[in-house]
Amino acid sequence: QVFQSYYSQYAMLHEDAGLELIQGLTNPKNRKFLNDNQDFENTVTKMIIYYQKSKIIPEEEKADDIKDTFFIIARGVLMDWAIKEGAYPLKRKMEYVMGKILSVYGIIPEKNI
C-alpha cells in the first residue's frame, strides 16, 4: 500500500504539471530538471531496502535496480498518458499499472489491485 500511495503521488505531481510539460519530457534535453527528483527516488530505494530486509522482496536484485525498473514503468505510464493527450485519469492508471508490477515483487497481493 505504501508503494501504491507513493506512485499515486508521482502521478498527481505529473498530472498537475500538465500535459504539455509531460510531453516535453520525451526530449532528453528537457529532462535536466528531473535531477530534483532525487529525494523521491531515494525514498523509493529506502522503501525497497526495508521490504528486502523484511524478506518481502528477495535481496538477489539490488534495490537501485528495482527502483530503476519501477521508474521505467512509471515513466511509461506518463508517456502513454501524454501520447493519448490525457485521455484517462493518470492517477488511476498509475495505481493500476504499478499495482501490477508491485505484485510481481510480492509487495501487494494481486487481488488487492
Protein backbone atom coordinates (compact mmCIF):
# COMPACT_ATOMS: atom_id res chain seq x y z
CA GLN A 1 0.00 0.00 0.00
CA VAL A 2 2.87 2.40 0.73
CA PHE A 3 4.35 1.99 -2.74
CA GLN A 4 0.93 2.30 -4.36
CA SER A 5 0.35 5.53 -2.49
CA TYR A 6 3.79 6.83 -3.41
CA TYR A 7 3.27 6.25 -7.11
CA SER A 8 -0.21 7.78 -6.89
CA GLN A 9 1.51 10.92 -5.64
CA TYR A 10 4.01 10.61 -8.51
CA ALA A 11 1.09 10.55 -10.94
CA MET A 12 -0.65 13.51 -9.31
CA LEU A 13 2.54 15.61 -9.39
CA HIS A 14 2.90 14.99 -13.10
CA GLU A 15 -0.78 15.43 -13.87
CA ASP A 16 -0.72 18.75 -12.01
CA ALA A 17 2.34 19.78 -14.04
CA GLY A 18 0.25 19.50 -17.17
CA LEU A 19 0.15 17.52 -20.35
CA GLU A 20 2.47 19.81 -22.33
CA LEU A 21 5.21 19.51 -19.72
CA ILE A 22 4.95 15.71 -19.69
CA GLN A 23 5.03 15.63 -23.49
CA GLY A 24 8.17 17.77 -23.34
CA LEU A 25 9.89 15.16 -21.17
CA THR A 26 10.25 12.91 -24.19
CA ASN A 27 13.05 15.22 -25.30
CA PRO A 28 16.22 14.32 -23.32
CA LYS A 29 17.34 17.98 -23.34
CA ASN A 30 14.21 18.89 -21.36
CA ARG A 31 14.82 16.30 -18.64
CA LYS A 32 17.53 18.16 -16.68
CA PHE A 33 15.05 19.40 -14.10
CA LEU A 34 14.39 15.77 -13.09
CA ASN A 35 17.61 15.85 -11.09
CA ASP A 36 15.42 17.50 -8.45
CA ASN A 37 13.57 14.16 -8.28
CA GLN A 38 16.46 12.60 -6.32
CA ASP A 39 14.71 12.74 -2.92
CA PHE A 40 11.68 10.97 -4.34
CA GLU A 41 13.84 8.23 -5.87
CA ASN A 42 15.97 7.88 -2.73
CA THR A 43 12.81 7.34 -0.69
CA VAL A 44 11.70 4.59 -3.06
CA THR A 45 15.11 2.93 -2.71
CA LYS A 46 14.82 3.08 1.09
CA MET A 47 11.36 1.50 0.93
CA ILE A 48 12.70 -1.30 -1.27
CA ILE A 49 15.56 -1.95 1.16
CA TYR A 50 13.02 -2.10 4.00
CA TYR A 51 10.97 -4.69 2.11
CA GLN A 52 14.13 -6.65 1.33
CA LYS A 53 15.13 -6.71 5.00
CA SER A 54 11.58 -7.78 5.83
CA LYS A 55 12.00 -10.70 3.37
CA ILE A 56 9.12 -9.49 1.19
CA ILE A 57 11.37 -8.67 -1.76
CA PRO A 58 14.28 -11.06 -2.47
CA GLU A 59 17.69 -9.50 -1.92
CA GLU A 60 19.26 -11.05 -5.04
CA GLU A 61 18.39 -7.92 -7.03
CA LYS A 62 19.91 -4.61 -5.96
CA ALA A 63 17.48 -2.07 -4.54
CA ASP A 64 18.67 0.55 -7.07
CA ASP A 65 17.95 -1.84 -9.95
CA ILE A 66 14.45 -2.50 -8.65
CA LYS A 67 13.90 1.25 -8.22
CA ASP A 68 15.04 1.81 -11.79
CA THR A 69 12.57 -0.82 -13.00
CA PHE A 70 9.74 0.84 -11.09
CA PHE A 71 10.54 4.26 -12.55
CA ILE A 72 10.90 2.92 -16.09
CA ILE A 73 7.39 1.53 -15.78
CA ALA A 74 6.02 4.67 -14.12
CA ARG A 75 7.54 6.85 -16.87
CA GLY A 76 5.95 4.51 -19.41
CA VAL A 77 2.56 5.28 -17.88
CA LEU A 78 3.36 9.02 -18.07
CA MET A 79 4.42 8.69 -21.70
CA ASP A 80 1.28 6.75 -22.62
CA TRP A 81 -0.88 9.38 -20.90
CA ALA A 82 0.95 12.13 -22.81
CA ILE A 83 0.71 10.33 -26.17
CA LYS A 84 -3.01 9.85 -25.61
CA GLU A 85 -3.26 13.54 -24.68
CA GLY A 86 -4.52 12.95 -21.16
CA ALA A 87 -7.41 10.75 -22.29
CA TYR A 88 -7.68 8.96 -18.93
CA PRO A 89 -7.17 9.75 -15.25
CA LEU A 90 -3.41 9.43 -14.76
CA LYS A 91 -3.58 8.64 -11.04
CA ARG A 92 -5.96 5.72 -11.56
CA LYS A 93 -3.85 4.26 -14.40
CA MET A 94 -0.64 4.69 -12.36
CA GLU A 95 -2.19 2.87 -9.40
CA TYR A 96 -3.34 0.03 -11.66
CA VAL A 97 -0.06 -0.45 -13.55
CA MET A 98 2.20 0.00 -10.52
CA GLY A 99 -0.05 -2.37 -8.59
CA LYS A 100 0.64 -4.99 -11.23
CA ILE A 101 4.42 -4.59 -11.09
CA LEU A 102 4.46 -4.37 -7.30
CA SER A 103 2.52 -7.64 -7.10
CA VAL A 104 5.24 -9.28 -9.20
CA TYR A 105 7.68 -8.35 -6.43
CA GLY A 106 5.28 -9.64 -3.77
CA ILE A 107 4.70 -6.23 -2.25
CA ILE A 108 0.92 -6.29 -2.56
CA PRO A 109 -1.35 -9.21 -3.38
CA GLU A 110 -2.72 -9.17 -6.93
CA LYS A 111 -6.28 -9.47 -5.59
CA ASN A 112 -6.00 -6.06 -3.88
CA ILE A 113 -5.32 -4.22 -7.11
